[in-house]
Amino acid sequence: KQHKKACKQRAAELKDEQLYSQGLERPEVDCCPICTLPIPLPTDQHSGFNVCCMKRVCVGCHVTALKRGMKGCPFCRRPLSKNEADVLVLLQARVVKKDQEAINFLGERY
């Protein structure tokens, strides 16, 4: 009987350890796809979201790209869209391809 009680207690401890160890790592989405470093929180202030490739790139990589003379997206190198109509066309093209990020972005924005 004591062995059964000790086993149940140890199983509960292991379950607690498993639960408490979750959530320590940030999702991969919070990392810059160019330098692969985690983007500091809040991510909106420390990165820019590019609709052309649906990637969030850190400010450091944006600045580096500008210093090297790149005028477009630092990830896919596509020229940045000047107006909302062009952005909408890009979004709709990615939605047709079933891109989850594009579907979410389009739903939140419009």
Protein backbone atom coordinates (compact mmCIF):
# COMPACT_ATOMS: atom_id res chain seq x y z
CA LYS A 1 0.00 0.00 0.00
CA GLN A 2 2.84 2.41 0.82
CA HIS A 3 4.55 1.61 -2.48
CA LYS A 4 1.36 2.44 -4.40
CA LYS A 5 1.04 5.73 -2.51
CA ALA A 6 4.69 6.61 -3.20
CA CYS A 7 4.24 5.78 -6.91
CA LYS A 8 1.17 8.02 -7.17
CA GLN A 9 3.01 10.85 -5.40
CA ARG A 10 6.03 10.52 -7.73
CA ALA A 11 3.74 10.44 -10.78
CA ALA A 12 2.10 13.66 -9.57
CA GLU A 13 5.55 15.26 -9.08
CA LEU A 14 6.61 14.26 -12.59
CA LYS A 15 3.38 15.70 -14.00
CA ASP A 16 4.01 18.96 -12.12
CA GLU A 17 7.57 19.10 -13.44
CA GLN A 18 6.29 18.59 -16.97
CA LEU A 19 3.64 21.30 -16.60
CA TYR A 20 5.99 23.83 -15.01
CA SER A 21 8.69 23.29 -17.60
CA GLN A 22 6.37 24.19 -20.49
CA GLY A 23 6.29 27.66 -21.96
CA LEU A 24 9.91 28.61 -21.32
CA GLU A 25 10.80 28.78 -24.99
CA ARG A 26 9.41 31.41 -27.32
CA PRO A 27 7.73 30.30 -30.52
CA GLU A 28 9.81 30.20 -33.69
CA VAL A 29 7.64 32.98 -35.13
CA ASP A 30 9.24 35.42 -32.67
CA CYS A 31 12.69 34.96 -34.25
CA CYS A 32 14.02 36.99 -37.16
CA PRO A 33 14.23 34.79 -40.28
CA ILE A 34 17.46 36.50 -41.38
CA CYS A 35 19.65 36.60 -38.25
CA THR A 36 17.61 33.94 -36.35
CA LEU A 37 17.85 35.94 -33.12
CA PRO A 38 14.77 36.30 -30.90
CA ILE A 39 12.93 39.57 -31.49
CA PRO A 40 12.65 41.50 -28.18
CA LEU A 41 9.21 42.05 -26.71
CA PRO A 42 7.03 43.84 -27.69
CA THR A 43 7.76 42.50 -31.17
CA ASP A 44 5.78 45.23 -32.95
CA GLN A 45 8.22 47.88 -31.69
CA HIS A 46 11.38 45.91 -32.49
CA SER A 47 10.51 44.53 -35.91
CA GLY A 48 8.65 45.18 -39.12
CA PHE A 49 6.14 42.90 -40.83
CA ASN A 50 6.56 42.49 -44.58
CA VAL A 51 3.37 41.63 -46.45
CA CYS A 52 5.25 40.45 -49.55
CA CYS A 53 6.66 37.35 -47.80
CA MET A 54 4.65 37.44 -44.55
CA LYS A 55 7.84 37.57 -42.48
CA ARG A 56 8.60 39.63 -39.37
CA VAL A 57 12.16 40.96 -39.67
CA CYS A 58 14.01 42.62 -36.78
CA VAL A 59 14.95 46.30 -36.89
CA GLY A 60 18.66 45.42 -36.97
CA CYS A 61 18.29 43.45 -40.19
CA HIS A 62 16.17 46.25 -41.71
CA VAL A 63 18.84 48.84 -40.85
CA THR A 64 21.62 46.60 -42.19
CA ALA A 65 19.72 46.12 -45.45
CA LEU A 66 19.23 49.88 -45.80
CA LYS A 67 22.94 50.51 -45.16
CA ARG A 68 23.78 48.05 -47.93
CA GLY A 69 21.53 49.92 -50.33
CA MET A 70 18.58 47.52 -50.39
CA LYS A 71 15.37 49.46 -50.83
CA GLY A 72 12.97 46.50 -50.77
CA CYS A 73 12.15 43.69 -48.37
CA PRO A 74 15.29 42.43 -46.63
CA PHE A 75 14.00 38.83 -46.70
CA CYS A 76 12.60 38.28 -50.20
CA ARG A 77 14.11 41.45 -51.80
CA ARG A 78 10.83 42.42 -53.42
CA PRO A 79 10.30 46.19 -53.83
CA LEU A 80 8.08 47.59 -51.09
CA SER A 81 4.52 48.43 -52.11
CA LYS A 82 3.65 52.09 -52.21
CA ASN A 83 -0.14 51.95 -51.80
CA GLU A 84 -2.84 49.88 -50.11
CA ALA A 85 -4.16 48.44 -53.38
CA ASP A 86 -0.81 46.78 -54.12
CA VAL A 87 -0.63 45.41 -50.57
CA LEU A 88 -4.15 43.99 -50.91
CA VAL A 89 -3.25 42.29 -54.21
CA LEU A 90 -0.19 40.68 -52.55
CA LEU A 91 -2.28 39.53 -49.60
CA GLN A 92 -5.00 38.07 -51.78
CA ALA A 93 -2.44 36.18 -53.86
CA ARG A 94 -1.01 34.59 -50.71
CA VAL A 95 -4.51 33.82 -49.38
CA VAL A 96 -5.32 31.95 -52.60
CA LYS A 97 -2.22 29.81 -51.92
CA LYS A 98 -3.67 28.98 -48.45
CA ASP A 99 -0.97 30.86 -46.52
CA GLN A 100 -2.17 30.87 -42.89
CA GLU A 101 -0.22 34.01 -41.99
CA ALA A 102 -1.80 35.89 -44.89
CA ILE A 103 -5.29 34.68 -44.01
CA ASN A 104 -4.81 35.79 -40.40
CA PHE A 105 -3.30 39.15 -41.39
CA LEU A 106 -6.09 39.83 -43.88
CA GLY A 107 -8.74 38.90 -41.31
CA GLU A 108 -7.25 41.19 -38.64
CA ARG A 109 -6.66 44.11 -40.95
CA TYR A 110 -9.79 44.23 -43.09
